[in-house]
């Protein structure tokens, strides 16, 4: 009998025991070239054991400092590669990258015998096209082994430039039926898909309808939503216009605005399933209308509170000396009025003196209370308790007006930010037809650390030095920088979509666009483009959060327009 035993080269220490009776011939030695133990015939007379120690093979492993890299065109980015040598291996390892996006390159690098790390540099030419996130392979090689790791590389543009991988060269237009479609609100789902809401002419006899479209994260219509990525909601034969959209934690979609009610209008809210169908468990067949007064009521904002209750904000005609007042309505998740809020679920507030328009254009939750901002003439702010009463810890009576001392202007959006561990409110809009921003402390006083010296927490920017410009929305980056979206008129008084970025202290961020601004004319010369909503779009494939602006472009009839920028 011949005994043949194979020994794995992966063992650091190998121990082989051969048990047999006393043999007339001793076990043969290991043939180190073949790794096979040869044994001659054994005679069974007594027990004998043989032990063998095998040296560990030479090997190594690699780890990367990051698994995602963005490279700006005309610039470079680096990745640190760490080498762990195993066993008796002491030699060099050569690193190469394969499968890079078009226009990107990386020279091979060798980690020498006396080093345990090296830096790989990925460069993108100035003319390199922007790329989708691309999975590439890092290979480390020596004479005996190859180790492979994956890395995601994205070629991108400078901050403030159009992201040409989105839609068609950076933007996507959406037509609901050949007539005027106006996008007024936008939000991003956790998976990066984009919801855009507004209004469009409905079928004959329907007037205008709520309109909602969903794009995938690269700007293509998401055909799993509605009909080909679009859906409409009709409340009746009059004009129904949506101005706000929000996501619930269960993925359901709230769209708010107003619907015709005879000769007046009422607050209107629709709730959609994630696939775009009306959620029939909400209100009546997925729709709710609320008459705040017996006259004109219009909603422009919606907020899902942390407890799931739904706040809708807008304006209501009190038919009194105060004219149009701030108006809030709170609904339960079922769509019923929350009678624990205000009077039967409704609150109205005359913020300014006289018959000016007090309209809520944005809502935020702060410290368990509700912040409402808006106005027509100047910025107006009110903060309410959870029960709907004015919060007297805010500006002594719960409301502020005349923030900029202007008789032309309004606040269009609000965000809660944290500064040195304390909450602040950032508001944006326009003052005297210029882009304006302000930051308030929790007690409603202006934060003097924001804006230009001597402006006491305010910042005014003449984006169009000789004409009108306005910020309609704001988003806060993780680094505290503020991205504002809106529009700016050019020399022919044609409006063009505009985004700009401020540093956390309110100064213009000159690293964004051209001296802090990017103006994008989407429609032909002489036609208007507006940004009416702005949000940030996270993407786990890239180490940054991109900026989305939505509004309308007007080549002939108005269409929804969504544009994406690099941050």
Protein backbone atom coordinates (compact mmCIF):
# COMPACT_ATOMS: atom_id res chain seq x y z
CA UNK A 1 0.00 0.00 0.00
CA UNK A 2 1.21 3.56 -0.78
CA UNK A 3 -0.02 6.50 1.35
CA UNK A 4 -0.14 9.97 -0.41
CA UNK A 5 -1.09 13.04 1.72
CA UNK A 6 -1.48 16.64 0.24
CA UNK A 7 -0.53 19.58 2.48
CA UNK A 8 -2.15 23.06 2.01
CA UNK A 9 0.29 25.89 1.34
CA UNK A 10 -2.11 28.29 3.14
CA UNK A 11 -1.17 26.86 6.57
CA UNK A 12 1.16 28.93 8.72
CA UNK A 13 2.12 25.80 10.66
CA UNK A 14 1.27 22.37 9.36
CA UNK A 15 1.31 19.32 11.56
CA UNK A 16 1.04 15.88 10.04
CA UNK A 17 0.62 12.80 12.17
CA UNK A 18 1.03 9.36 10.69
CA UNK A 19 -0.14 6.55 12.88
CA UNK A 20 0.79 2.98 12.10
CA UNK A 21 2.26 -0.19 13.66
CA UNK A 22 6.02 -0.64 13.76
CA UNK A 23 7.29 -0.44 10.20
CA UNK A 24 10.17 -2.19 8.59
CA UNK A 25 10.83 0.97 6.66
CA UNK A 26 10.72 4.56 8.09
CA UNK A 27 8.33 7.09 6.52
CA UNK A 28 9.83 8.76 3.49
CA UNK A 29 10.72 12.51 3.76
CA UNK A 30 8.49 15.28 2.32
CA UNK A 31 9.16 16.12 -1.30
CA UNK A 32 9.26 19.98 -0.93
CA UNK A 33 8.94 20.53 -4.64
CA UNK A 34 5.63 18.73 -4.91
CA UNK A 35 4.18 19.18 -1.43
CA UNK A 36 3.49 15.39 -1.37
CA UNK A 37 4.52 13.05 1.40
CA UNK A 38 5.64 9.74 0.01
CA UNK A 39 5.48 6.63 2.27
CA UNK A 40 6.86 3.22 1.49
CA UNK A 41 4.91 0.06 2.45
CA UNK A 42 4.36 -0.25 6.17
CA UNK A 43 4.43 -3.33 8.35
CA UNK A 44 2.05 -3.14 11.29
CA UNK A 45 4.05 -3.92 14.48
CA UNK A 46 3.93 -0.78 16.74
CA UNK A 47 2.59 2.87 16.82
CA UNK A 48 4.70 5.75 15.47
CA UNK A 49 4.00 9.52 14.97
CA UNK A 50 5.65 11.96 12.55
CA UNK A 51 5.27 15.81 12.96
CA UNK A 52 5.89 18.31 10.13
CA UNK A 53 6.12 22.14 10.27
CA UNK A 54 5.44 24.09 7.02
CA UNK A 55 6.54 27.76 6.57
CA UNK A 56 3.79 30.37 5.87
CA UNK A 57 3.52 31.55 2.26
CA UNK A 58 4.46 35.11 1.29
CA UNK A 59 1.29 37.25 0.90
CA UNK A 60 -0.26 40.70 1.50
CA UNK A 61 -3.54 42.60 1.66
CA UNK A 62 -4.64 46.17 0.83
CA UNK A 63 -7.03 48.67 2.41
CA UNK A 64 -8.14 52.03 0.98
CA UNK A 65 -8.67 55.33 2.80
CA UNK A 66 -12.02 55.73 0.99
CA UNK A 67 -14.21 53.76 -1.37
CA UNK A 68 -15.55 56.85 -3.20
CA UNK A 69 -13.62 59.57 -5.04
CA UNK A 70 -14.86 62.63 -6.93
CA UNK A 71 -12.46 64.31 -9.35
CA UNK A 72 -13.18 67.82 -10.59
CA UNK A 73 -12.43 68.38 -14.26
CA UNK A 74 -8.97 69.89 -14.66
CA UNK A 75 -7.97 68.79 -11.16
CA UNK A 76 -7.03 65.67 -9.18
CA UNK A 77 -8.02 63.63 -6.15
CA UNK A 78 -6.03 61.17 -4.05
CA UNK A 79 -6.54 57.81 -2.37
CA UNK A 80 -4.22 56.39 0.28
CA UNK A 81 -3.56 52.66 -0.09
CA UNK A 82 -2.32 50.81 2.98
CA UNK A 83 -0.35 47.57 2.65
CA UNK A 84 -0.41 44.76 5.22
CA UNK A 85 2.37 42.23 4.66
CA UNK A 86 1.76 38.67 5.84
CA UNK A 87 4.07 35.79 6.62
CA UNK A 88 7.64 36.25 5.43
CA UNK A 89 6.71 38.68 2.65
CA UNK A 90 8.85 41.85 2.64
CA UNK A 91 8.85 42.85 -1.00
CA UNK A 92 7.38 45.77 -2.98
CA UNK A 93 3.81 45.93 -4.34
CA UNK A 94 2.80 47.78 -7.51
CA UNK A 95 -0.58 49.55 -7.59
CA UNK A 96 -2.63 50.21 -10.75
CA UNK A 97 -6.18 51.44 -11.44
CA UNK A 98 -8.25 49.98 -14.28
CA UNK A 99 -11.58 50.99 -15.82
CA UNK A 100 -11.43 54.72 -15.07
CA UNK A 101 -14.08 57.04 -16.59
CA UNK A 102 -13.32 58.72 -19.90
CA UNK A 103 -10.86 61.57 -19.45
CA UNK A 104 -9.53 60.30 -16.10
CA UNK A 105 -6.10 58.76 -15.57
CA UNK A 106 -3.85 57.48 -12.79
CA UNK A 107 -0.16 56.57 -12.96
CA UNK A 108 0.92 53.29 -11.36
CA UNK A 109 2.63 53.55 -7.99
CA UNK A 110 4.90 51.11 -6.19
CA UNK A 111 4.99 50.67 -2.42
CA UNK A 112 8.69 49.92 -1.76
CA UNK A 113 10.04 47.29 0.62
CA UNK A 114 10.49 49.75 3.49
CA UNK A 115 7.05 51.40 3.24
CA UNK A 116 3.51 50.29 4.11
CA UNK A 117 1.40 52.83 2.20
CA UNK A 118 1.30 54.96 -0.93
CA UNK A 119 -0.89 57.65 -2.46
CA UNK A 120 -2.64 57.12 -5.79
CA UNK A 121 -3.57 60.29 -7.69
CA UNK A 122 -6.54 60.31 -10.08
CA UNK A 123 -6.56 63.17 -12.56
CA UNK A 124 -9.34 64.41 -14.85
CA UNK A 125 -8.56 66.45 -17.92
CA UNK A 126 -10.17 69.86 -18.28
CA UNK A 127 -12.29 68.50 -21.14
CA UNK A 128 -13.28 65.24 -19.46
CA UNK A 129 -17.04 64.61 -19.61
CA UNK A 130 -18.86 64.36 -16.30
CA UNK A 131 -19.37 60.71 -15.43
CA UNK A 132 -21.84 58.60 -13.57
CA UNK A 133 -20.32 56.95 -10.49
CA UNK A 134 -18.04 54.29 -12.02
CA UNK A 135 -16.82 51.19 -10.19
CA UNK A 136 -13.15 50.61 -11.03
CA UNK A 137 -10.55 48.04 -9.93
CA UNK A 138 -7.42 48.70 -7.90
CA UNK A 139 -4.83 45.94 -8.34
CA UNK A 140 -1.82 45.35 -6.19
CA UNK A 141 0.74 42.94 -7.63
CA UNK A 142 4.03 41.33 -6.76
CA UNK A 143 5.81 38.38 -8.35
CA UNK A 144 3.54 35.79 -6.74
CA UNK A 145 0.18 37.40 -5.93
CA UNK A 146 -2.50 39.83 -7.17
CA UNK A 147 -4.91 41.54 -4.75
CA UNK A 148 -7.94 43.43 -6.16
CA UNK A 149 -10.14 46.05 -4.51
CA UNK A 150 -13.01 48.15 -5.90
CA UNK A 151 -13.32 51.93 -5.84
CA UNK A 152 -16.05 54.27 -7.16
CA UNK A 153 -14.76 57.22 -9.18
CA UNK A 154 -16.90 60.13 -10.42
CA UNK A 155 -15.71 62.89 -12.72
CA UNK A 156 -17.59 66.05 -11.79
CA UNK A 157 -17.67 69.76 -12.51
CA UNK A 158 -16.66 72.65 -10.27
CA UNK A 159 -19.00 73.90 -7.54
CA UNK A 160 -21.97 75.70 -9.08
CA UNK A 161 -21.64 74.11 -12.53
CA UNK A 162 -24.39 72.11 -14.21
CA UNK A 163 -24.15 68.37 -13.61
CA UNK A 164 -24.39 67.20 -17.21
CA UNK A 165 -25.10 63.58 -16.20
CA UNK A 166 -28.59 64.65 -15.08
CA UNK A 167 -31.44 64.58 -17.59
CA UNK A 168 -30.34 66.16 -20.87
CA UNK A 169 -27.03 67.95 -20.23
CA UNK A 170 -27.98 68.96 -16.72
CA UNK A 171 -31.72 69.64 -16.87
CA UNK A 172 -35.01 67.85 -17.44
CA UNK A 173 -38.19 69.39 -18.84
CA UNK A 174 -41.55 67.75 -18.15
CA UNK A 175 -44.64 68.44 -20.26
CA UNK A 176 -48.02 67.35 -18.93
CA UNK A 177 -50.02 68.00 -22.08
CA UNK A 178 -48.80 70.76 -24.33
CA UNK A 179 -50.01 73.73 -22.28
CA UNK A 180 -48.70 75.73 -19.32
CA UNK A 181 -47.32 73.53 -16.53
CA UNK A 182 -45.88 75.23 -13.43
CA UNK A 183 -43.58 73.44 -10.97
CA UNK A 184 -43.74 75.03 -7.53
CA UNK A 185 -42.38 72.44 -5.07
CA UNK A 186 -39.91 69.58 -4.87
CA UNK A 187 -38.60 66.98 -2.45
CA UNK A 188 -36.20 64.04 -2.68
CA UNK A 189 -36.98 60.53 -1.49
CA UNK A 190 -34.41 58.59 0.59
CA UNK A 191 -33.51 56.54 -2.51
CA UNK A 192 -32.64 59.71 -4.45
CA UNK A 193 -35.75 59.82 -6.63
CA UNK A 194 -37.14 63.32 -7.13
CA UNK A 195 -40.76 64.41 -6.65
CA UNK A 196 -41.83 67.63 -8.37
CA UNK A 197 -45.27 69.14 -7.81
CA UNK A 198 -47.22 72.01 -9.31
CA UNK A 199 -50.24 72.42 -11.54
CA UNK A 200 -51.34 71.86 -15.11
CA UNK A 201 -54.49 72.34 -17.19
CA UNK A 202 -56.68 69.28 -16.80
CA UNK A 203 -59.07 67.67 -19.24
CA UNK A 204 -61.96 69.64 -20.66
CA UNK A 205 -64.19 70.82 -17.82
CA UNK A 206 -61.56 70.29 -15.11
CA UNK A 207 -59.74 73.63 -15.02
CA UNK A 208 -56.26 73.26 -13.50
CA UNK A 209 -55.21 70.13 -11.62
CA UNK A 210 -52.54 69.27 -9.10
CA UNK A 211 -49.64 67.80 -11.09
CA UNK A 212 -46.88 65.55 -9.73
CA UNK A 213 -43.96 63.97 -11.56
CA UNK A 214 -41.24 61.65 -10.31
CA UNK A 215 -37.75 61.37 -11.74
CA UNK A 216 -35.16 58.73 -11.02
CA UNK A 217 -31.98 60.04 -9.48
CA UNK A 218 -30.42 60.66 -12.87
CA UNK A 219 -33.29 62.82 -14.13
CA UNK A 220 -35.35 60.36 -16.17
CA UNK A 221 -39.10 60.02 -15.70
CA UNK A 222 -39.78 57.14 -13.31
CA UNK A 223 -42.29 54.97 -15.14
CA UNK A 224 -43.21 53.10 -11.92
CA UNK A 225 -44.98 56.27 -10.79
CA UNK A 226 -48.42 57.27 -12.07
CA UNK A 227 -48.73 57.07 -15.85
CA UNK A 228 -45.26 57.21 -17.36
CA UNK A 229 -43.87 59.07 -14.35
CA UNK A 230 -46.68 61.65 -14.02
CA UNK A 231 -50.03 61.95 -12.29
CA UNK A 232 -52.76 64.55 -11.80
CA UNK A 233 -55.29 65.15 -9.03
CA UNK A 234 -58.58 66.88 -9.75
CA UNK A 235 -60.73 68.36 -6.97
CA UNK A 236 -63.55 69.64 -9.17
CA UNK A 237 -64.39 71.76 -12.17
CA UNK A 238 -62.44 74.83 -11.03
CA UNK A 239 -58.73 75.62 -10.80
CA UNK A 240 -56.71 73.47 -8.38
CA UNK A 241 -53.12 74.55 -7.81
CA UNK A 242 -50.42 72.75 -5.79
CA UNK A 243 -47.65 74.73 -4.11
CA UNK A 244 -46.11 72.27 -1.63
CA UNK A 245 -45.04 68.64 -1.39
CA UNK A 246 -43.77 66.56 1.53
CA UNK A 247 -42.96 62.95 2.33
CA UNK A 248 -44.33 61.00 5.25
CA UNK A 249 -42.10 58.50 7.05
CA UNK A 250 -44.05 55.62 5.43
CA UNK A 251 -43.22 56.91 1.93
CA UNK A 252 -46.64 58.38 1.21
CA UNK A 253 -46.68 61.73 -0.57
CA UNK A 254 -48.54 64.85 0.56
CA UNK A 255 -49.36 67.56 -1.97
CA UNK A 256 -50.92 70.81 -0.76
CA UNK A 257 -52.37 73.91 -2.37
CA UNK A 258 -55.86 75.18 -2.97
CA UNK A 259 -58.98 74.15 -4.85
CA UNK A 260 -61.88 76.16 -6.19
CA UNK A 261 -64.96 76.23 -4.00
CA UNK A 262 -67.63 78.15 -5.89
CA UNK A 263 -66.37 81.68 -6.37
CA UNK A 264 -63.66 81.29 -3.68
CA UNK A 265 -60.91 78.80 -2.87
CA UNK A 266 -60.21 76.44 0.02
CA UNK A 267 -57.09 74.74 1.35
CA UNK A 268 -56.61 71.42 -0.46
CA UNK A 269 -54.42 68.41 0.35
CA UNK A 270 -54.01 65.15 -1.55
CA UNK A 271 -52.13 62.10 -0.36
CA UNK A 272 -50.58 59.67 -2.82
CA UNK A 273 -49.30 56.16 -2.42
CA UNK A 274 -45.61 55.73 -3.32
CA UNK A 275 -46.65 54.61 -6.82
CA UNK A 276 -48.72 57.76 -7.45
CA UNK A 277 -52.21 56.40 -6.77
CA UNK A 278 -54.49 58.37 -4.46
CA UNK A 279 -54.41 56.98 -0.91
CA UNK A 280 -58.07 56.28 -0.27
CA UNK A 281 -57.48 55.98 3.50
CA UNK A 282 -56.89 59.75 3.60
CA UNK A 283 -59.86 62.10 3.73
CA UNK A 284 -62.39 61.41 1.01
CA UNK A 285 -60.82 59.16 -1.59
CA UNK A 286 -57.34 60.59 -0.91
CA UNK A 287 -58.33 64.27 -0.85
CA UNK A 288 -59.14 66.86 1.83
CA UNK A 289 -60.42 70.43 1.47
CA UNK A 290 -60.71 72.88 4.37
CA UNK A 291 -62.53 76.21 4.39
CA UNK A 292 -60.61 78.36 6.86
CA UNK A 293 -63.02 81.27 6.27
CA UNK A 294 -66.11 81.89 4.21
CA UNK A 295 -64.02 83.76 1.64
CA UNK A 296 -60.66 83.20 -0.07
CA UNK A 297 -58.24 80.63 1.44
CA UNK A 298 -55.01 79.60 -0.29
CA UNK A 299 -52.37 77.16 0.96
CA UNK A 300 -48.71 77.43 -0.05
CA UNK A 301 -46.84 75.26 2.46
CA UNK A 302 -47.05 71.85 4.14
CA UNK A 303 -45.12 70.36 7.05
CA UNK A 304 -45.12 66.82 8.44
CA UNK A 305 -44.41 67.17 12.14
CA UNK A 306 -42.20 64.68 13.97
CA UNK A 307 -45.34 63.07 15.48
CA UNK A 308 -46.85 62.57 12.00
CA UNK A 309 -49.45 65.31 12.17
CA UNK A 310 -49.77 67.50 9.08
CA UNK A 311 -49.64 71.30 9.14
CA UNK A 312 -50.77 73.30 6.11
CA UNK A 313 -50.02 77.01 5.86
CA UNK A 314 -51.21 79.82 3.63
CA UNK A 315 -53.48 82.84 3.79
CA UNK A 316 -57.11 83.47 4.59
CA UNK A 317 -59.33 86.47 3.91
CA UNK A 318 -60.82 87.49 7.22
CA UNK A 319 -63.08 90.05 5.54
CA UNK A 320 -61.95 92.52 8.21
CA UNK A 321 -59.57 95.45 8.49
CA UNK A 322 -56.60 93.07 8.68
CA UNK A 323 -57.28 91.75 5.18
CA UNK A 324 -55.48 88.52 4.27
CA UNK A 325 -53.96 86.86 7.34
CA UNK A 326 -51.59 84.01 8.13
CA UNK A 327 -53.61 80.80 8.21
CA UNK A 328 -52.69 77.36 9.52
CA UNK A 329 -54.61 74.10 9.51
CA UNK A 330 -53.51 70.89 11.22
CA UNK A 331 -54.68 67.45 10.14
CA UNK A 332 -54.37 64.05 11.71
CA UNK A 333 -52.74 61.30 9.65
CA UNK A 334 -56.25 60.25 8.60
CA UNK A 335 -56.93 63.66 7.06
CA UNK A 336 -59.35 64.75 9.77
CA UNK A 337 -58.95 68.16 11.40
CA UNK A 338 -56.88 68.01 14.59
CA UNK A 339 -59.23 69.71 17.05
CA UNK A 340 -56.43 70.06 19.64
CA UNK A 341 -54.90 72.75 17.42
CA UNK A 342 -56.23 76.32 17.49
CA UNK A 343 -59.97 76.54 17.03
CA UNK A 344 -61.17 73.22 15.70
CA UNK A 345 -57.89 72.60 13.88
CA UNK A 346 -57.50 76.11 12.41
CA UNK A 347 -55.50 79.23 13.31
CA UNK A 348 -55.45 82.69 11.71
CA UNK A 349 -53.07 85.52 12.64
CA UNK A 350 -52.93 89.14 11.55
CA UNK A 351 -49.16 89.61 11.55
CA UNK A 352 -48.86 93.09 10.01
CA UNK A 353 -51.00 96.14 10.67
CA UNK A 354 -53.51 97.15 8.04
CA UNK A 355 -54.81 95.31 5.03
CA UNK A 356 -51.50 94.05 3.58
CA UNK A 357 -51.23 90.42 2.53
CA UNK A 358 -50.03 88.16 5.34
CA UNK A 359 -49.36 84.86 3.57
CA UNK A 360 -47.47 81.81 4.83
CA UNK A 361 -45.05 80.54 2.18
CA UNK A 362 -42.96 78.13 4.27
CA UNK A 363 -43.14 76.16 7.50
CA UNK A 364 -40.58 74.62 9.85
CA UNK A 365 -40.64 72.77 13.14
CA UNK A 366 -38.51 74.22 15.94
CA UNK A 367 -38.35 72.96 19.50
CA UNK A 368 -41.78 71.35 19.28
CA UNK A 369 -43.33 74.53 17.91
CA UNK A 370 -44.24 75.65 14.40
CA UNK A 371 -42.51 78.49 12.54
CA UNK A 372 -44.43 80.17 9.70
CA UNK A 373 -42.76 82.67 7.37
CA UNK A 374 -43.99 84.73 4.42
CA UNK A 375 -45.49 88.16 3.95
CA UNK A 376 -46.06 90.59 1.10
CA UNK A 377 -44.22 93.91 1.57
CA UNK A 378 -41.57 92.61 3.97
CA UNK A 379 -40.50 89.45 5.79
CA UNK A 380 -43.12 88.24 8.27
CA UNK A 381 -42.55 85.49 10.83
CA UNK A 382 -44.73 83.89 13.49
CA UNK A 383 -43.98 81.04 15.87
CA UNK A 384 -46.72 78.93 17.39
CA UNK A 385 -46.84 76.42 20.20
CA UNK A 386 -47.83 72.86 19.40
CA UNK A 387 -51.38 73.81 20.41
CA UNK A 388 -51.50 76.65 17.87
CA UNK A 389 -51.10 79.64 20.22
CA UNK A 390 -48.58 82.37 19.44
CA UNK A 391 -45.33 81.59 21.26
CA UNK A 392 -44.58 84.61 23.44
CA UNK A 393 -40.99 83.41 23.98
CA UNK A 394 -40.46 84.51 20.39
CA UNK A 395 -40.25 88.30 19.98
CA UNK A 396 -42.45 88.81 23.07
CA UNK A 397 -45.72 88.41 21.14
CA UNK A 398 -44.84 85.49 18.85
CA UNK A 399 -44.59 87.44 15.60
CA UNK A 400 -42.20 89.70 13.66
CA UNK A 401 -42.72 92.00 10.70
CA UNK A 402 -40.70 94.74 9.02
CA UNK A 403 -37.48 92.75 9.24
CA UNK A 404 -35.85 94.66 6.36
CA UNK A 405 -37.83 97.90 6.59
CA UNK A 406 -39.02 97.42 3.02
CA UNK A 407 -42.42 97.96 1.49
CA UNK A 408 -41.60 95.47 -1.30
CA UNK A 409 -40.53 92.00 -0.35
CA UNK A 410 -41.40 88.70 1.30
CA UNK A 411 -39.88 85.66 2.95
CA UNK A 412 -40.18 82.60 0.75
CA UNK A 413 -38.45 79.82 2.69
CA UNK A 414 -37.05 78.94 6.11
CA UNK A 415 -34.62 76.37 7.48
CA UNK A 416 -33.56 75.52 11.02
CA UNK A 417 -29.76 75.47 11.39
CA UNK A 418 -27.45 74.81 14.31
CA UNK A 419 -24.77 77.37 15.13
CA UNK A 420 -22.38 76.64 18.01
CA UNK A 421 -24.82 74.12 19.40
CA UNK A 422 -27.80 76.49 19.29
CA UNK A 423 -30.70 76.52 16.87
CA UNK A 424 -31.12 79.43 14.47
CA UNK A 425 -33.71 80.25 11.81
CA UNK A 426 -32.47 81.13 8.32
CA UNK A 427 -35.00 82.92 6.11
CA UNK A 428 -34.64 83.86 2.45
CA UNK A 429 -36.71 85.89 0.01
CA UNK A 430 -36.47 89.38 -1.40
CA UNK A 431 -36.25 92.88 0.02
CA UNK A 432 -36.83 95.85 -2.28
CA UNK A 433 -36.57 93.45 -5.25
CA UNK A 434 -33.15 92.11 -4.23
CA UNK A 435 -32.23 88.67 -2.92
CA UNK A 436 -32.34 88.75 0.88
CA UNK A 437 -31.46 86.44 3.77
CA UNK A 438 -31.67 86.78 7.54
CA UNK A 439 -30.76 84.67 10.58
CA UNK A 440 -32.69 84.80 13.85
CA UNK A 441 -31.93 83.47 17.29
CA UNK A 442 -34.45 81.28 19.08
CA UNK A 443 -35.96 84.32 20.81
CA UNK A 444 -36.59 86.03 17.47
CA UNK A 445 -33.78 88.58 17.69
CA UNK A 446 -31.47 89.03 14.71
CA UNK A 447 -28.17 87.14 14.91
CA UNK A 448 -25.47 89.79 14.45
CA UNK A 449 -22.91 87.09 13.57
CA UNK A 450 -24.65 86.67 10.20
CA UNK A 451 -24.44 88.99 7.19
CA UNK A 452 -22.28 92.01 6.55
CA UNK A 453 -20.86 94.11 9.41
CA UNK A 454 -23.45 96.53 10.66
CA UNK A 455 -26.40 94.68 9.06
CA UNK A 456 -27.45 92.93 12.29
CA UNK A 457 -28.14 89.47 10.94
CA UNK A 458 -29.30 90.42 7.46
CA UNK A 459 -27.83 90.04 3.98
CA UNK A 460 -29.06 91.75 0.80
CA UNK A 461 -27.61 90.83 -2.60
CA UNK A 462 -28.29 92.65 -5.87
CA UNK A 463 -27.81 89.66 -8.19
CA UNK A 464 -29.31 91.79 -10.97
CA UNK A 465 -27.86 95.22 -10.19
CA UNK A 466 -30.43 97.07 -12.29
CA UNK A 467 -33.46 94.81 -11.97
CA UNK A 468 -35.37 92.27 -9.91
CA UNK A 469 -34.00 89.10 -8.33
CA UNK A 470 -35.43 86.90 -5.61
CA UNK A 471 -34.53 83.82 -3.56
CA UNK A 472 -37.44 81.40 -3.37
CA UNK A 473 -35.79 78.53 -1.51
CA UNK A 474 -32.83 77.62 0.71
CA UNK A 475 -31.05 74.38 1.62
CA UNK A 476 -28.36 73.84 4.23
CA UNK A 477 -25.29 71.75 3.40
CA UNK A 478 -23.63 69.54 6.01
CA UNK A 479 -20.80 72.09 6.29
CA UNK A 480 -23.29 74.85 7.16
CA UNK A 481 -23.12 76.61 3.79
CA UNK A 482 -26.45 77.91 2.47
CA UNK A 483 -27.58 77.26 -1.10
CA UNK A 484 -30.28 79.62 -2.36
CA UNK A 485 -32.39 79.16 -5.47
CA UNK A 486 -34.52 81.67 -7.31
CA UNK A 487 -34.29 83.88 -10.35
CA UNK A 488 -32.59 87.02 -11.61
CA UNK A 489 -33.70 89.29 -14.43
CA UNK A 490 -31.21 90.03 -17.18
CA UNK A 491 -30.74 93.30 -19.09
CA UNK A 492 -33.88 92.59 -21.15
CA UNK A 493 -35.91 92.01 -17.93
CA UNK A 494 -36.14 88.33 -18.79
CA UNK A 495 -35.99 86.09 -15.72
CA UNK A 496 -33.35 83.34 -15.59
CA UNK A 497 -32.97 80.53 -13.08
CA UNK A 498 -30.35 81.39 -10.46
CA UNK A 499 -28.55 79.56 -7.66
CA UNK A 500 -26.04 81.07 -5.25
CA UNK A 501 -24.19 79.98 -2.14
CA UNK A 502 -23.45 81.75 1.12
CA UNK A 503 -20.92 80.81 3.75
CA UNK A 504 -22.38 79.92 7.17
CA UNK A 505 -21.82 83.53 8.29
CA UNK A 506 -23.83 84.94 5.38
CA UNK A 507 -20.92 86.05 3.20
CA UNK A 508 -20.96 85.11 -0.48
CA UNK A 509 -19.05 81.88 -1.19
CA UNK A 510 -16.82 82.92 -4.09
CA UNK A 511 -15.82 79.28 -4.74
CA UNK A 512 -19.33 78.60 -6.09
CA UNK A 513 -20.12 79.40 -9.73
CA UNK A 514 -18.94 82.82 -10.90
CA UNK A 515 -18.16 84.79 -7.72
CA UNK A 516 -20.83 82.90 -5.80
CA UNK A 517 -23.62 82.78 -8.41
CA UNK A 518 -24.74 80.61 -11.30
CA UNK A 519 -27.40 81.93 -13.69
CA UNK A 520 -28.85 79.46 -16.19
CA UNK A 521 -31.02 80.58 -19.12
CA UNK A 522 -32.94 77.43 -20.06
CA UNK A 523 -35.44 78.87 -22.53
CA UNK A 524 -34.76 80.81 -25.75
CA UNK A 525 -33.75 84.47 -25.48
CA UNK A 526 -36.56 86.64 -24.20
CA UNK A 527 -38.34 83.73 -22.47
CA UNK A 528 -38.54 83.30 -18.70
CA UNK A 529 -37.04 80.61 -16.46
CA UNK A 530 -37.77 80.51 -12.73
CA UNK A 531 -36.53 78.39 -9.85
CA UNK A 532 -39.33 78.06 -7.30
CA UNK A 533 -37.95 75.15 -5.25
CA UNK A 534 -34.53 73.87 -4.26
CA UNK A 535 -33.28 70.83 -2.36
CA UNK A 536 -30.21 68.67 -1.87
CA UNK A 537 -29.97 65.19 -3.39
CA UNK A 538 -27.85 62.66 -1.50
CA UNK A 539 -26.33 59.74 -3.39
CA UNK A 540 -24.47 57.00 -1.51
CA UNK A 541 -22.31 56.38 -4.58
CA UNK A 542 -20.60 59.80 -4.48
CA UNK A 543 -18.96 61.64 -1.56
CA UNK A 544 -21.06 64.77 -2.01
CA UNK A 545 -24.67 65.97 -2.05
CA UNK A 546 -25.84 67.60 -5.27
CA UNK A 547 -28.16 70.60 -5.64
CA UNK A 548 -31.52 70.41 -7.42
CA UNK A 549 -33.55 73.43 -8.49
CA UNK A 550 -37.07 73.19 -9.91
CA UNK A 551 -39.42 75.65 -11.54
CA UNK A 552 -40.55 76.35 -15.07
CA UNK A 553 -38.98 77.11 -18.39
CA UNK A 554 -41.07 78.89 -21.01
CA UNK A 555 -39.99 78.07 -24.55
CA UNK A 556 -43.57 78.69 -25.76
CA UNK A 557 -45.80 77.14 -23.10
CA UNK A 558 -44.39 76.68 -19.62
CA UNK A 559 -43.02 73.25 -18.68
CA UNK A 560 -41.74 71.80 -15.43
CA UNK A 561 -37.95 72.16 -15.32
CA UNK A 562 -35.48 70.48 -12.95
CA UNK A 563 -31.78 71.36 -12.99
CA UNK A 564 -28.90 69.73 -11.09
CA UNK A 565 -25.70 71.46 -9.97
CA UNK A 566 -22.45 70.29 -8.46
CA UNK A 567 -21.99 71.60 -4.89
